[in-house]
Amino acid sequence: MNGNRLMQQLNAIFSIFMALFYLGVGCFFIFFSDRSYLDKPVRVIMGSAFLLYGIYRAYNAFTKIAGAFFGNNKQD
């Protein structure tokens, strides 16, 4: 296994953790942050933005994982 492929795999794993982080923050803002100093509409807008960005990051992370772990990376 060469170093470039290893870095791609580590980057893919880090990407999925970041996607889960954004999804978690979005859920926290929408559902669990009742005692916050932010108003409810602001929390819902921010939470929705975090959820949408988390979904986008998760899709990109899964395509990276598919390429890094299951792709056929033969170097000439």
N, C-alpha and C. Protein backbone atom coordinates (compact mmCIF):
# COMPACT_ATOMS: atom_id res chain seq x y z
N MET A 1 0.86 -1.17 0.00
CA MET A 1 0.00 0.00 0.00
C MET A 1 0.90 1.23 0.00
N ASN A 2 0.68 2.09 -0.94
CA ASN A 2 1.51 3.29 -1.01
C ASN A 2 0.96 4.39 -0.12
N GLY A 3 1.77 5.42 0.10
CA GLY A 3 1.40 6.49 1.01
C GLY A 3 0.23 7.32 0.52
N ASN A 4 0.12 7.51 -0.78
CA ASN A 4 -0.96 8.32 -1.34
C ASN A 4 -2.33 7.68 -1.07
N ARG A 5 -2.41 6.39 -1.26
CA ARG A 5 -3.68 5.69 -1.02
C ARG A 5 -4.04 5.71 0.47
N LEU A 6 -3.03 5.57 1.32
CA LEU A 6 -3.26 5.63 2.76
C LEU A 6 -3.80 7.00 3.17
N MET A 7 -3.24 8.05 2.61
CA MET A 7 -3.73 9.40 2.92
C MET A 7 -5.15 9.61 2.41
N GLN A 8 -5.48 9.05 1.26
CA GLN A 8 -6.85 9.13 0.74
C GLN A 8 -7.81 8.41 1.67
N GLN A 9 -7.41 7.27 2.21
CA GLN A 9 -8.27 6.54 3.13
C GLN A 9 -8.46 7.29 4.44
N LEU A 10 -7.39 7.86 4.97
CA LEU A 10 -7.52 8.64 6.21
C LEU A 10 -8.38 9.87 5.99
N ASN A 11 -8.24 10.52 4.86
CA ASN A 11 -9.05 11.68 4.53
C ASN A 11 -10.52 11.29 4.40
N ALA A 12 -10.81 10.14 3.83
CA ALA A 12 -12.18 9.67 3.69
C ALA A 12 -12.81 9.38 5.05
N ILE A 13 -12.03 8.77 5.95
CA ILE A 13 -12.54 8.48 7.29
C ILE A 13 -12.79 9.77 8.06
N PHE A 14 -11.87 10.73 7.97
CA PHE A 14 -12.06 12.01 8.63
C PHE A 14 -13.29 12.73 8.07
N SER A 15 -13.53 12.62 6.77
CA SER A 15 -14.68 13.27 6.15
C SER A 15 -15.99 12.72 6.69
N ILE A 16 -16.06 11.42 6.92
CA ILE A 16 -17.31 10.85 7.43
C ILE A 16 -17.54 11.29 8.88
N PHE A 17 -16.47 11.41 9.67
CA PHE A 17 -16.64 11.92 11.04
C PHE A 17 -17.11 13.37 11.04
N MET A 18 -16.59 14.17 10.14
CA MET A 18 -17.03 15.57 10.06
C MET A 18 -18.48 15.65 9.59
N ALA A 19 -18.88 14.78 8.69
CA ALA A 19 -20.28 14.77 8.25
C ALA A 19 -21.19 14.41 9.42
N LEU A 20 -20.79 13.43 10.22
CA LEU A 20 -21.59 13.07 11.40
C LEU A 20 -21.63 14.22 12.40
N PHE A 21 -20.53 14.96 12.53
CA PHE A 21 -20.51 16.12 13.41
C PHE A 21 -21.52 17.17 12.96
N TYR A 22 -21.53 17.49 11.65
CA TYR A 22 -22.47 18.49 11.15
C TYR A 22 -23.91 18.03 11.30
N LEU A 23 -24.17 16.75 11.07
CA LEU A 23 -25.53 16.23 11.26
C LEU A 23 -25.93 16.30 12.73
N GLY A 24 -25.01 16.00 13.62
CA GLY A 24 -25.30 16.08 15.05
C GLY A 24 -25.57 17.50 15.52
N VAL A 25 -24.78 18.46 15.03
CA VAL A 25 -25.00 19.86 15.40
C VAL A 25 -26.34 20.35 14.87
N GLY A 26 -26.68 19.94 13.65
CA GLY A 26 -27.97 20.33 13.09
C GLY A 26 -29.13 19.78 13.89
N CYS A 27 -29.05 18.51 14.29
CA CYS A 27 -30.10 17.92 15.13
C CYS A 27 -30.16 18.59 16.49
N PHE A 28 -29.00 18.94 17.04
CA PHE A 28 -28.99 19.61 18.34
C PHE A 28 -29.68 20.96 18.26
N PHE A 29 -29.36 21.74 17.23
CA PHE A 29 -29.99 23.06 17.10
C PHE A 29 -31.50 22.95 16.93
N ILE A 30 -31.95 21.97 16.17
CA ILE A 30 -33.38 21.88 15.88
C ILE A 30 -34.16 21.26 17.05
N PHE A 31 -33.64 20.17 17.62
CA PHE A 31 -34.45 19.40 18.55
C PHE A 31 -34.09 19.56 20.03
N PHE A 32 -32.83 19.81 20.37
CA PHE A 32 -32.41 19.70 21.76
C PHE A 32 -31.94 21.00 22.40
N SER A 33 -31.95 22.08 21.69
CA SER A 33 -31.42 23.33 22.23
C SER A 33 -32.55 24.25 22.68
N ASP A 34 -33.31 23.84 23.66
CA ASP A 34 -34.46 24.62 24.12
C ASP A 34 -34.06 25.80 24.99
N ARG A 35 -32.99 25.68 25.74
CA ARG A 35 -32.58 26.75 26.66
C ARG A 35 -31.49 27.63 26.07
N SER A 36 -31.51 27.78 24.80
CA SER A 36 -30.48 28.58 24.12
C SER A 36 -30.87 30.05 24.11
N TYR A 37 -29.88 30.90 23.93
CA TYR A 37 -30.16 32.33 23.84
C TYR A 37 -30.63 32.74 22.45
N LEU A 38 -30.61 31.80 21.50
CA LEU A 38 -31.11 32.07 20.15
C LEU A 38 -32.61 31.83 20.09
N ASP A 39 -33.27 32.60 19.26
CA ASP A 39 -34.70 32.39 19.04
C ASP A 39 -34.93 31.11 18.25
N LYS A 40 -36.13 30.55 18.37
CA LYS A 40 -36.43 29.28 17.70
C LYS A 40 -36.30 29.37 16.18
N PRO A 41 -36.78 30.43 15.50
CA PRO A 41 -36.60 30.46 14.05
C PRO A 41 -35.13 30.49 13.62
N VAL A 42 -34.30 31.17 14.38
CA VAL A 42 -32.88 31.21 14.06
C VAL A 42 -32.25 29.84 14.26
N ARG A 43 -32.64 29.16 15.35
CA ARG A 43 -32.12 27.81 15.59
C ARG A 43 -32.55 26.84 14.51
N VAL A 44 -33.78 26.95 14.04
CA VAL A 44 -34.26 26.04 13.00
C VAL A 44 -33.55 26.32 11.68
N ILE A 45 -33.33 27.58 11.35
CA ILE A 45 -32.61 27.92 10.12
C ILE A 45 -31.17 27.43 10.19
N MET A 46 -30.50 27.68 11.30
CA MET A 46 -29.12 27.22 11.44
C MET A 46 -29.04 25.70 11.47
N GLY A 47 -29.96 25.07 12.17
CA GLY A 47 -29.98 23.61 12.22
C GLY A 47 -30.24 22.99 10.87
N SER A 48 -31.13 23.60 10.10
CA SER A 48 -31.41 23.10 8.76
C SER A 48 -30.20 23.25 7.86
N ALA A 49 -29.51 24.37 7.99
CA ALA A 49 -28.30 24.58 7.19
C ALA A 49 -27.23 23.55 7.55
N PHE A 50 -27.06 23.28 8.85
CA PHE A 50 -26.10 22.26 9.26
C PHE A 50 -26.51 20.88 8.77
N LEU A 51 -27.80 20.57 8.83
CA LEU A 51 -28.26 19.27 8.35
C LEU A 51 -28.03 19.11 6.85
N LEU A 52 -28.36 20.12 6.08
CA LEU A 52 -28.16 20.04 4.64
C LEU A 52 -26.68 19.92 4.29
N TYR A 53 -25.83 20.70 4.98
CA TYR A 53 -24.40 20.61 4.72
C TYR A 53 -23.85 19.26 5.17
N GLY A 54 -24.39 18.72 6.26
CA GLY A 54 -23.97 17.40 6.71
C GLY A 54 -24.34 16.31 5.72
N ILE A 55 -25.52 16.42 5.13
CA ILE A 55 -25.93 15.45 4.10
C ILE A 55 -25.03 15.55 2.89
N TYR A 56 -24.70 16.79 2.50
CA TYR A 56 -23.78 17.00 1.38
C TYR A 56 -22.40 16.40 1.68
N ARG A 57 -21.89 16.64 2.89
CA ARG A 57 -20.59 16.11 3.28
C ARG A 57 -20.63 14.59 3.36
N ALA A 58 -21.74 14.02 3.84
CA ALA A 58 -21.86 12.56 3.94
C ALA A 58 -21.84 11.93 2.55
N TYR A 59 -22.53 12.53 1.60
CA TYR A 59 -22.52 12.00 0.23
C TYR A 59 -21.10 12.04 -0.34
N ASN A 60 -20.42 13.17 -0.17
CA ASN A 60 -19.05 13.26 -0.67
C ASN A 60 -18.13 12.28 0.05
N ALA A 61 -18.32 12.09 1.34
CA ALA A 61 -17.48 11.16 2.09
C ALA A 61 -17.70 9.72 1.62
N PHE A 62 -18.94 9.35 1.36
CA PHE A 62 -19.20 7.99 0.89
C PHE A 62 -18.61 7.75 -0.50
N THR A 63 -18.62 8.76 -1.35
CA THR A 63 -17.98 8.58 -2.66
C THR A 63 -16.47 8.49 -2.50
N LYS A 64 -15.89 9.25 -1.55
CA LYS A 64 -14.45 9.14 -1.28
C LYS A 64 -14.11 7.76 -0.73
N ILE A 65 -14.96 7.25 0.17
CA ILE A 65 -14.70 5.94 0.75
C ILE A 65 -14.79 4.86 -0.32
N ALA A 66 -15.76 4.98 -1.20
CA ALA A 66 -15.89 4.00 -2.27
C ALA A 66 -14.67 4.02 -3.18
N GLY A 67 -14.14 5.20 -3.45
CA GLY A 67 -12.96 5.28 -4.31
C GLY A 67 -11.68 4.87 -3.60
N ALA A 68 -11.54 5.23 -2.33
CA ALA A 68 -10.29 4.97 -1.61
C ALA A 68 -10.17 3.53 -1.15
N PHE A 69 -11.27 2.93 -0.71
CA PHE A 69 -11.19 1.58 -0.17
C PHE A 69 -11.55 0.49 -1.19
N PHE A 70 -12.50 0.79 -2.06
CA PHE A 70 -12.99 -0.24 -2.96
C PHE A 70 -12.64 0.03 -4.42
N GLY A 71 -12.00 1.15 -4.68
CA GLY A 71 -11.61 1.47 -6.05
C GLY A 71 -10.39 0.67 -6.49
N ASN A 72 -10.22 0.57 -7.75
CA ASN A 72 -9.10 -0.15 -8.32
C ASN A 72 -8.01 0.84 -8.66
N ASN A 73 -7.13 1.12 -7.69
CA ASN A 73 -6.06 2.10 -7.86
C ASN A 73 -4.75 1.43 -8.23
N LYS A 74 -4.65 0.97 -9.43
CA LYS A 74 -3.39 0.39 -9.90
C LYS A 74 -2.55 1.50 -10.50
N GLN A 75 -1.32 1.59 -10.01
CA GLN A 75 -0.43 2.60 -10.54
C GLN A 75 0.51 1.97 -11.53
N ASP A 76 0.74 2.67 -12.61
CA ASP A 76 1.64 2.14 -13.67
C ASP A 76 3.06 2.51 -13.40
